[in-house]
Amino acid sequence: MGLCQPKLAKNARVLTPHQREHLKMTIIIFVIGGPGSGKSTQCKNIARKYGFHHVALGDLLRQAGSEATSRGRQIDDIMKKGLLLPTGAILDILNEDMLSQPEIRGFLVDGFPRALEQAKEFEQTDSRLPDAVIALDCETETLIHRLLLRGQSGARADDSQSLLWQRLETHYSMHEAVLAFYLQKRLLFNVSGEESPEKVFAQCCSIIDHL
């Protein structure tokens, strides 16, 4: 089966004024970094401490890709190739999850944006910027080591060794533009993902405490 990307949403659905206002009243923090940089671990711990909702975008996309629908099969096909979904489809899934949590005061969005187009369309669609962007920095060797270990468990199809280099190549080709975008807006906070999980967590909490 081909990618069939035109059948997936290229542009996100327009939010109602009420939905936009709701999202403006919440704290939204993006946590970005390469595959294996520790985003999920840190988001789970931070969400537990602050009572935020962890938007595990990768899990949401894999869940959507497991659905026995035309949309689900297209998403699954694209992800198995280590490629990016159309921005509109990603934003729709992201916004649906955040809007389904009306009582939550803050969101930790794990693994978004991965491309500059996604960052710009989020700002346009949601009529706001994130409150902060935490970037977990890791050496390539560290990411490879962690992904290979995680891949041995077989828990995630996209952790297979055959897709490892494709995922890293996709990440590095997009990442720098995202960092530059948020650095210019003074929203970027770099944290070394090479440190122990406890030290990384402490640095992330320090950033959030000063928002």
C-alpha atoms as a PDB file:
ATOM      1  CA  MET A   1       0.000   0.000   0.000  1.00  0.00           C
ATOM      2  CA  GLY A   2       1.274   3.495  -0.783  1.00  0.00           C
ATOM      3  CA  LEU A   3       1.482   6.388   1.607  1.00  0.00           C
ATOM      4  CA  CYS A   4      -1.890   7.815   0.500  1.00  0.00           C
ATOM      5  CA  GLN A   5      -1.016  11.041   2.282  1.00  0.00           C
ATOM      6  CA  PRO A   6      -3.516  13.184   0.330  1.00  0.00           C
ATOM      7  CA  LYS A   7      -6.353  11.253   2.004  1.00  0.00           C
ATOM      8  CA  LEU A   8      -5.159  12.321   5.442  1.00  0.00           C
ATOM      9  CA  ALA A   9      -5.741  15.874   6.649  1.00  0.00           C
ATOM     10  CA  LYS A  10      -3.064  18.239   5.361  1.00  0.00           C
ATOM     11  CA  ASN A  11      -4.475  21.094   7.421  1.00  0.00           C
ATOM     12  CA  ALA A  12      -5.870  20.828  10.923  1.00  0.00           C
ATOM     13  CA  ARG A  13      -9.556  21.298  11.613  1.00  0.00           C
ATOM     14  CA  VAL A  14     -10.427  24.863  12.624  1.00  0.00           C
ATOM     15  CA  LEU A  15     -11.080  25.177  16.362  1.00  0.00           C
ATOM     16  CA  THR A  16     -14.142  27.010  17.644  1.00  0.00           C
ATOM     17  CA  PRO A  17     -13.589  30.262  19.580  1.00  0.00           C
ATOM     18  CA  HIS A  18     -14.580  28.415  22.769  1.00  0.00           C
ATOM     19  CA  GLN A  19     -12.008  25.664  22.143  1.00  0.00           C
ATOM     20  CA  ARG A  20      -9.269  28.188  21.441  1.00  0.00           C
ATOM     21  CA  GLU A  21     -10.122  30.139  24.584  1.00  0.00           C
ATOM     22  CA  HIS A  22     -10.032  26.968  26.663  1.00  0.00           C
ATOM     23  CA  LEU A  23      -6.569  26.063  25.418  1.00  0.00           C
ATOM     24  CA  LYS A  24      -5.335  29.612  26.043  1.00  0.00           C
ATOM     25  CA  MET A  25      -6.255  29.220  29.710  1.00  0.00           C
ATOM     26  CA  THR A  26      -4.010  26.183  30.178  1.00  0.00           C
ATOM     27  CA  ILE A  27      -0.253  25.712  30.445  1.00  0.00           C
ATOM     28  CA  ILE A  28       1.160  23.939  27.397  1.00  0.00           C
ATOM     29  CA  ILE A  29       4.743  22.680  27.430  1.00  0.00           C
ATOM     30  CA  PHE A  30       6.357  20.897  24.483  1.00  0.00           C
ATOM     31  CA  VAL A  31       9.019  18.305  25.322  1.00  0.00           C
ATOM     32  CA  ILE A  32      11.150  17.474  22.297  1.00  0.00           C
ATOM     33  CA  GLY A  33      14.270  15.457  21.552  1.00  0.00           C
ATOM     34  CA  GLY A  34      15.481  12.518  19.557  1.00  0.00           C
ATOM     35  CA  PRO A  35      13.903   9.061  19.799  1.00  0.00           C
ATOM     36  CA  GLY A  36      15.240   7.542  23.008  1.00  0.00           C
ATOM     37  CA  SER A  37      16.098  10.868  24.657  1.00  0.00           C
ATOM     38  CA  GLY A  38      13.828  10.172  27.638  1.00  0.00           C
ATOM     39  CA  LYS A  39      10.837  12.354  26.741  1.00  0.00           C
ATOM     40  CA  SER A  40       8.199   9.865  27.868  1.00  0.00           C
ATOM     41  CA  THR A  41       9.892   9.097  31.192  1.00  0.00           C
ATOM     42  CA  GLN A  42      10.290  12.762  32.083  1.00  0.00           C
ATOM     43  CA  CYS A  43       6.755  13.696  30.983  1.00  0.00           C
ATOM     44  CA  LYS A  44       5.231  10.948  33.130  1.00  0.00           C
ATOM     45  CA  ASN A  45       7.178  12.112  36.194  1.00  0.00           C
ATOM     46  CA  ILE A  46       6.468  15.809  35.611  1.00  0.00           C
ATOM     47  CA  ALA A  47       2.772  15.159  34.987  1.00  0.00           C
ATOM     48  CA  ARG A  48       2.565  13.254  38.262  1.00  0.00           C
ATOM     49  CA  LYS A  49       4.210  16.076  40.224  1.00  0.00           C
ATOM     50  CA  TYR A  50       2.262  19.006  38.769  1.00  0.00           C
ATOM     51  CA  GLY A  51      -1.068  17.355  38.000  1.00  0.00           C
ATOM     52  CA  PHE A  52      -0.600  17.948  34.272  1.00  0.00           C
ATOM     53  CA  HIS A  53      -1.876  15.702  31.507  1.00  0.00           C
ATOM     54  CA  HIS A  54       0.819  13.824  29.588  1.00  0.00           C
ATOM     55  CA  VAL A  55      -0.036  14.007  25.908  1.00  0.00           C
ATOM     56  CA  ALA A  56       1.921  10.995  24.675  1.00  0.00           C
ATOM     57  CA  LEU A  57       1.620  11.872  21.011  1.00  0.00           C
ATOM     58  CA  GLY A  58       3.520   8.820  19.813  1.00  0.00           C
ATOM     59  CA  ASP A  59       1.130   6.543  21.709  1.00  0.00           C
ATOM     60  CA  LEU A  60      -1.869   8.444  20.343  1.00  0.00           C
ATOM     61  CA  LEU A  61      -0.586   8.063  16.782  1.00  0.00           C
ATOM     62  CA  ARG A  62       0.125   4.361  17.256  1.00  0.00           C
ATOM     63  CA  GLN A  63      -3.364   3.931  18.691  1.00  0.00           C
ATOM     64  CA  ALA A  64      -4.853   5.716  15.688  1.00  0.00           C
ATOM     65  CA  GLY A  65      -2.725   3.529  13.409  1.00  0.00           C
ATOM     66  CA  SER A  66      -4.081   0.365  15.007  1.00  0.00           C
ATOM     67  CA  GLU A  67      -7.676   1.196  14.092  1.00  0.00           C
ATOM     68  CA  ALA A  68      -9.216  -1.023  11.425  1.00  0.00           C
ATOM     69  CA  THR A  69     -10.153   1.908   9.212  1.00  0.00           C
ATOM     70  CA  SER A  70      -8.767   3.444   6.040  1.00  0.00           C
ATOM     71  CA  ARG A  71      -7.346   6.297   8.129  1.00  0.00           C
ATOM     72  CA  GLY A  72      -5.792   3.865  10.584  1.00  0.00           C
ATOM     73  CA  ARG A  73      -4.163   1.807   7.840  1.00  0.00           C
ATOM     74  CA  GLN A  74      -2.688   4.924   6.230  1.00  0.00           C
ATOM     75  CA  ILE A  75      -1.262   6.127   9.549  1.00  0.00           C
ATOM     76  CA  ASP A  76       0.176   2.686  10.292  1.00  0.00           C
ATOM     77  CA  ASP A  77       1.762   2.462   6.851  1.00  0.00           C
ATOM     78  CA  ILE A  78       3.463   5.852   7.160  1.00  0.00           C
ATOM     79  CA  MET A  79       4.749   5.223  10.683  1.00  0.00           C
ATOM     80  CA  LYS A  80       6.154   1.810   9.804  1.00  0.00           C
ATOM     81  CA  LYS A  81       8.274   3.536   7.177  1.00  0.00           C
ATOM     82  CA  GLY A  82       9.663   5.943   9.799  1.00  0.00           C
ATOM     83  CA  LEU A  83       8.103   8.928   8.012  1.00  0.00           C
ATOM     84  CA  LEU A  84       6.104  11.891   9.292  1.00  0.00           C
ATOM     85  CA  LEU A  85       2.334  12.056   9.102  1.00  0.00           C
ATOM     86  CA  PRO A  86       0.730  15.110   7.471  1.00  0.00           C
ATOM     87  CA  THR A  87       0.710  18.030   9.899  1.00  0.00           C
ATOM     88  CA  GLY A  88      -3.064  18.395   9.858  1.00  0.00           C
ATOM     89  CA  ALA A  89      -3.618  14.793  10.928  1.00  0.00           C
ATOM     90  CA  ILE A  90      -1.134  15.149  13.804  1.00  0.00           C
ATOM     91  CA  LEU A  91      -2.651  18.415  15.032  1.00  0.00           C
ATOM     92  CA  ASP A  92      -6.169  17.010  14.929  1.00  0.00           C
ATOM     93  CA  ILE A  93      -5.124  14.076  17.121  1.00  0.00           C
ATOM     94  CA  LEU A  94      -3.200  16.381  19.471  1.00  0.00           C
ATOM     95  CA  ASN A  95      -6.044  18.865  19.900  1.00  0.00           C
ATOM     96  CA  GLU A  96      -8.643  16.134  20.314  1.00  0.00           C
ATOM     97  CA  ASP A  97      -6.689  14.731  23.251  1.00  0.00           C
ATOM     98  CA  MET A  98      -6.161  18.097  24.956  1.00  0.00           C
ATOM     99  CA  LEU A  99      -9.771  19.172  24.495  1.00  0.00           C
ATOM    100  CA  SER A 100     -10.958  15.883  25.997  1.00  0.00           C
ATOM    101  CA  GLN A 101      -9.404  16.940  29.330  1.00  0.00           C
ATOM    102  CA  PRO A 102     -11.481  20.019  30.310  1.00  0.00           C
ATOM    103  CA  GLU A 103     -10.431  20.009  33.983  1.00  0.00           C
ATOM    104  CA  ILE A 104      -6.682  19.822  33.364  1.00  0.00           C
ATOM    105  CA  ARG A 105      -4.662  23.016  33.990  1.00  0.00           C
ATOM    106  CA  GLY A 106      -1.577  21.973  32.073  1.00  0.00           C
ATOM    107  CA  PHE A 107      -0.375  19.724  29.256  1.00  0.00           C
ATOM    108  CA  LEU A 108       3.003  18.129  28.586  1.00  0.00           C
ATOM    109  CA  VAL A 109       3.121  17.363  24.884  1.00  0.00           C
ATOM    110  CA  ASP A 110       5.661  14.617  24.324  1.00  0.00           C
ATOM    111  CA  GLY A 111       7.400  14.584  20.938  1.00  0.00           C
ATOM    112  CA  PHE A 112       5.805  17.596  19.256  1.00  0.00           C
ATOM    113  CA  PRO A 113       6.631  19.459  17.102  1.00  0.00           C
ATOM    114  CA  ARG A 114       9.024  17.374  15.067  1.00  0.00           C
ATOM    115  CA  ALA A 115       9.069  19.755  12.099  1.00  0.00           C
ATOM    116  CA  LEU A 116       8.953  23.519  11.630  1.00  0.00           C
ATOM    117  CA  GLU A 117       5.678  23.243   9.695  1.00  0.00           C
ATOM    118  CA  GLN A 118       4.076  21.601  12.740  1.00  0.00           C
ATOM    119  CA  ALA A 119       5.273  24.388  15.043  1.00  0.00           C
ATOM    120  CA  LYS A 120       3.896  27.096  12.779  1.00  0.00           C
ATOM    121  CA  GLU A 121       0.555  25.394  12.185  1.00  0.00           C
ATOM    122  CA  PHE A 122       0.042  24.811  15.914  1.00  0.00           C
ATOM    123  CA  GLU A 123       0.489  28.547  16.487  1.00  0.00           C
ATOM    124  CA  GLN A 124      -1.976  29.358  13.698  1.00  0.00           C
ATOM    125  CA  THR A 125      -4.600  26.701  14.505  1.00  0.00           C
ATOM    126  CA  ASP A 126      -4.573  27.096  18.300  1.00  0.00           C
ATOM    127  CA  SER A 127      -3.958  30.875  18.231  1.00  0.00           C
ATOM    128  CA  ARG A 128      -1.166  30.607  20.788  1.00  0.00           C
ATOM    129  CA  LEU A 129       2.395  29.520  21.437  1.00  0.00           C
ATOM    130  CA  PRO A 130       3.469  26.967  24.029  1.00  0.00           C
ATOM    131  CA  ASP A 131       4.542  28.364  27.402  1.00  0.00           C
ATOM    132  CA  ALA A 132       7.898  26.596  27.103  1.00  0.00           C
ATOM    133  CA  VAL A 133       9.743  24.119  24.905  1.00  0.00           C
ATOM    134  CA  ILE A 134      12.054  21.728  26.760  1.00  0.00           C
ATOM    135  CA  ALA A 135      14.617  20.089  24.470  1.00  0.00           C
ATOM    136  CA  LEU A 136      16.347  16.967  25.785  1.00  0.00           C
ATOM    137  CA  ASP A 137      19.797  16.838  24.206  1.00  0.00           C
ATOM    138  CA  CYS A 138      21.544  13.488  23.704  1.00  0.00           C
ATOM    139  CA  GLU A 139      24.499  12.285  21.685  1.00  0.00           C
ATOM    140  CA  THR A 140      23.640  10.117  18.693  1.00  0.00           C
ATOM    141  CA  GLU A 141      25.487   7.161  20.241  1.00  0.00           C
ATOM    142  CA  THR A 142      23.295   7.422  23.339  1.00  0.00           C
ATOM    143  CA  LEU A 143      20.105   7.444  21.292  1.00  0.00           C
ATOM    144  CA  ILE A 144      21.209   4.412  19.272  1.00  0.00           C
ATOM    145  CA  HIS A 145      22.135   2.476  22.420  1.00  0.00           C
ATOM    146  CA  ARG A 146      18.818   3.231  24.108  1.00  0.00           C
ATOM    147  CA  LEU A 147      16.744   2.445  21.020  1.00  0.00           C
ATOM    148  CA  LEU A 148      18.485  -0.885  20.482  1.00  0.00           C
ATOM    149  CA  LEU A 149      17.859  -1.851  24.103  1.00  0.00           C
ATOM    150  CA  ARG A 150      14.230  -0.799  23.878  1.00  0.00           C
ATOM    151  CA  GLY A 151      13.831  -2.585  20.566  1.00  0.00           C
ATOM    152  CA  GLN A 152      14.858  -5.896  22.131  1.00  0.00           C
ATOM    153  CA  SER A 153      11.624  -5.896  24.117  1.00  0.00           C
ATOM    154  CA  GLY A 154       9.570  -5.811  20.904  1.00  0.00           C
ATOM    155  CA  ALA A 155       7.054  -3.491  22.551  1.00  0.00           C
ATOM    156  CA  ARG A 156       7.095  -1.001  19.669  1.00  0.00           C
ATOM    157  CA  ALA A 157       7.283  -1.831  15.993  1.00  0.00           C
ATOM    158  CA  ASP A 158       9.057   1.452  15.212  1.00  0.00           C
ATOM    159  CA  ASP A 159      11.932   0.522  17.559  1.00  0.00           C
ATOM    160  CA  SER A 160      13.123  -2.197  15.201  1.00  0.00           C
ATOM    161  CA  GLN A 161      16.736  -1.962  14.081  1.00  0.00           C
ATOM    162  CA  SER A 162      15.676  -1.715  10.434  1.00  0.00           C
ATOM    163  CA  LEU A 163      13.863   1.563  11.159  1.00  0.00           C
ATOM    164  CA  LEU A 164      16.403   3.015  13.596  1.00  0.00           C
ATOM    165  CA  TRP A 165      18.476   4.961  11.078  1.00  0.00           C
ATOM    166  CA  GLN A 166      15.399   6.174   9.202  1.00  0.00           C
ATOM    167  CA  ARG A 167      13.940   7.584  12.434  1.00  0.00           C
ATOM    168  CA  LEU A 168      17.200   9.284  13.410  1.00  0.00           C
ATOM    169  CA  GLU A 169      17.689  10.735   9.934  1.00  0.00           C
ATOM    170  CA  THR A 170      14.141  12.110   9.964  1.00  0.00           C
ATOM    171  CA  HIS A 171      14.729  13.606  13.424  1.00  0.00           C
ATOM    172  CA  TYR A 172      18.012  15.344  12.588  1.00  0.00           C
ATOM    173  CA  SER A 173      16.766  16.689   9.273  1.00  0.00           C
ATOM    174  CA  MET A 174      13.882  18.488  11.028  1.00  0.00           C
ATOM    175  CA  HIS A 175      15.101  19.220  14.559  1.00  0.00           C
ATOM    176  CA  GLU A 176      17.418  22.192  14.067  1.00  0.00           C
ATOM    177  CA  ALA A 177      14.762  24.345  12.402  1.00  0.00           C
ATOM    178  CA  VAL A 178      12.370  23.695  15.310  1.00  0.00           C
ATOM    179  CA  LEU A 179      15.046  24.644  17.853  1.00  0.00           C
ATOM    180  CA  ALA A 180      15.872  27.848  15.969  1.00  0.00           C
ATOM    181  CA  PHE A 181      12.184  28.780  15.725  1.00  0.00           C
ATOM    182  CA  TYR A 182      11.582  28.566  19.481  1.00  0.00           C
ATOM    183  CA  LEU A 183      14.973  30.014  20.384  1.00  0.00           C
ATOM    184  CA  GLN A 184      14.055  33.151  18.451  1.00  0.00           C
ATOM    185  CA  LYS A 185      10.806  33.342  20.413  1.00  0.00           C
ATOM    186  CA  ARG A 186      12.713  32.872  23.709  1.00  0.00           C
ATOM    187  CA  LEU A 187      10.736  29.778  24.593  1.00  0.00           C
ATOM    188  CA  LEU A 188      13.502  27.162  24.269  1.00  0.00           C
ATOM    189  CA  PHE A 189      15.124  25.480  27.285  1.00  0.00           C
ATOM    190  CA  ASN A 190      17.889  22.957  26.634  1.00  0.00           C
ATOM    191  CA  VAL A 191      18.396  20.121  29.115  1.00  0.00           C
ATOM    192  CA  SER A 192      21.103  17.466  28.861  1.00  0.00           C
ATOM    193  CA  GLY A 193      19.460  14.088  28.435  1.00  0.00           C
ATOM    194  CA  GLU A 194      22.800  12.432  29.120  1.00  0.00           C
ATOM    195  CA  GLU A 195      22.386  12.986  32.871  1.00  0.00           C
ATOM    196  CA  SER A 196      20.619  10.564  35.199  1.00  0.00           C
ATOM    197  CA  PRO A 197      16.798  10.598  35.016  1.00  0.00           C
ATOM    198  CA  GLU A 198      16.738  12.207  38.469  1.00  0.00           C
ATOM    199  CA  LYS A 199      18.979  15.104  37.387  1.00  0.00           C
ATOM    200  CA  VAL A 200      17.048  15.612  34.162  1.00  0.00           C
ATOM    201  CA  PHE A 201      13.808  15.668  36.150  1.00  0.00           C
ATOM    202  CA  ALA A 202      15.190  18.280  38.550  1.00  0.00           C
ATOM    203  CA  GLN A 203      16.237  20.550  35.677  1.00  0.00           C
ATOM    204  CA  CYS A 204      12.828  20.229  34.013  1.00  0.00           C
ATOM    205  CA  CYS A 205      11.060  21.058  37.280  1.00  0.00           C
ATOM    206  CA  SER A 206      13.242  24.143  37.729  1.00  0.00           C
ATOM    207  CA  ILE A 207      12.130  25.394  34.304  1.00  0.00           C
ATOM    208  CA  ILE A 208       8.459  24.806  35.042  1.00  0.00           C
ATOM    209  CA  ASP A 209       8.663  26.398  38.495  1.00  0.00           C
ATOM    210  CA  HIS A 210       9.862  29.646  36.912  1.00  0.00           C
ATOM    211  CA  LEU A 211       7.149  29.905  34.270  1.00  0.00           C
END
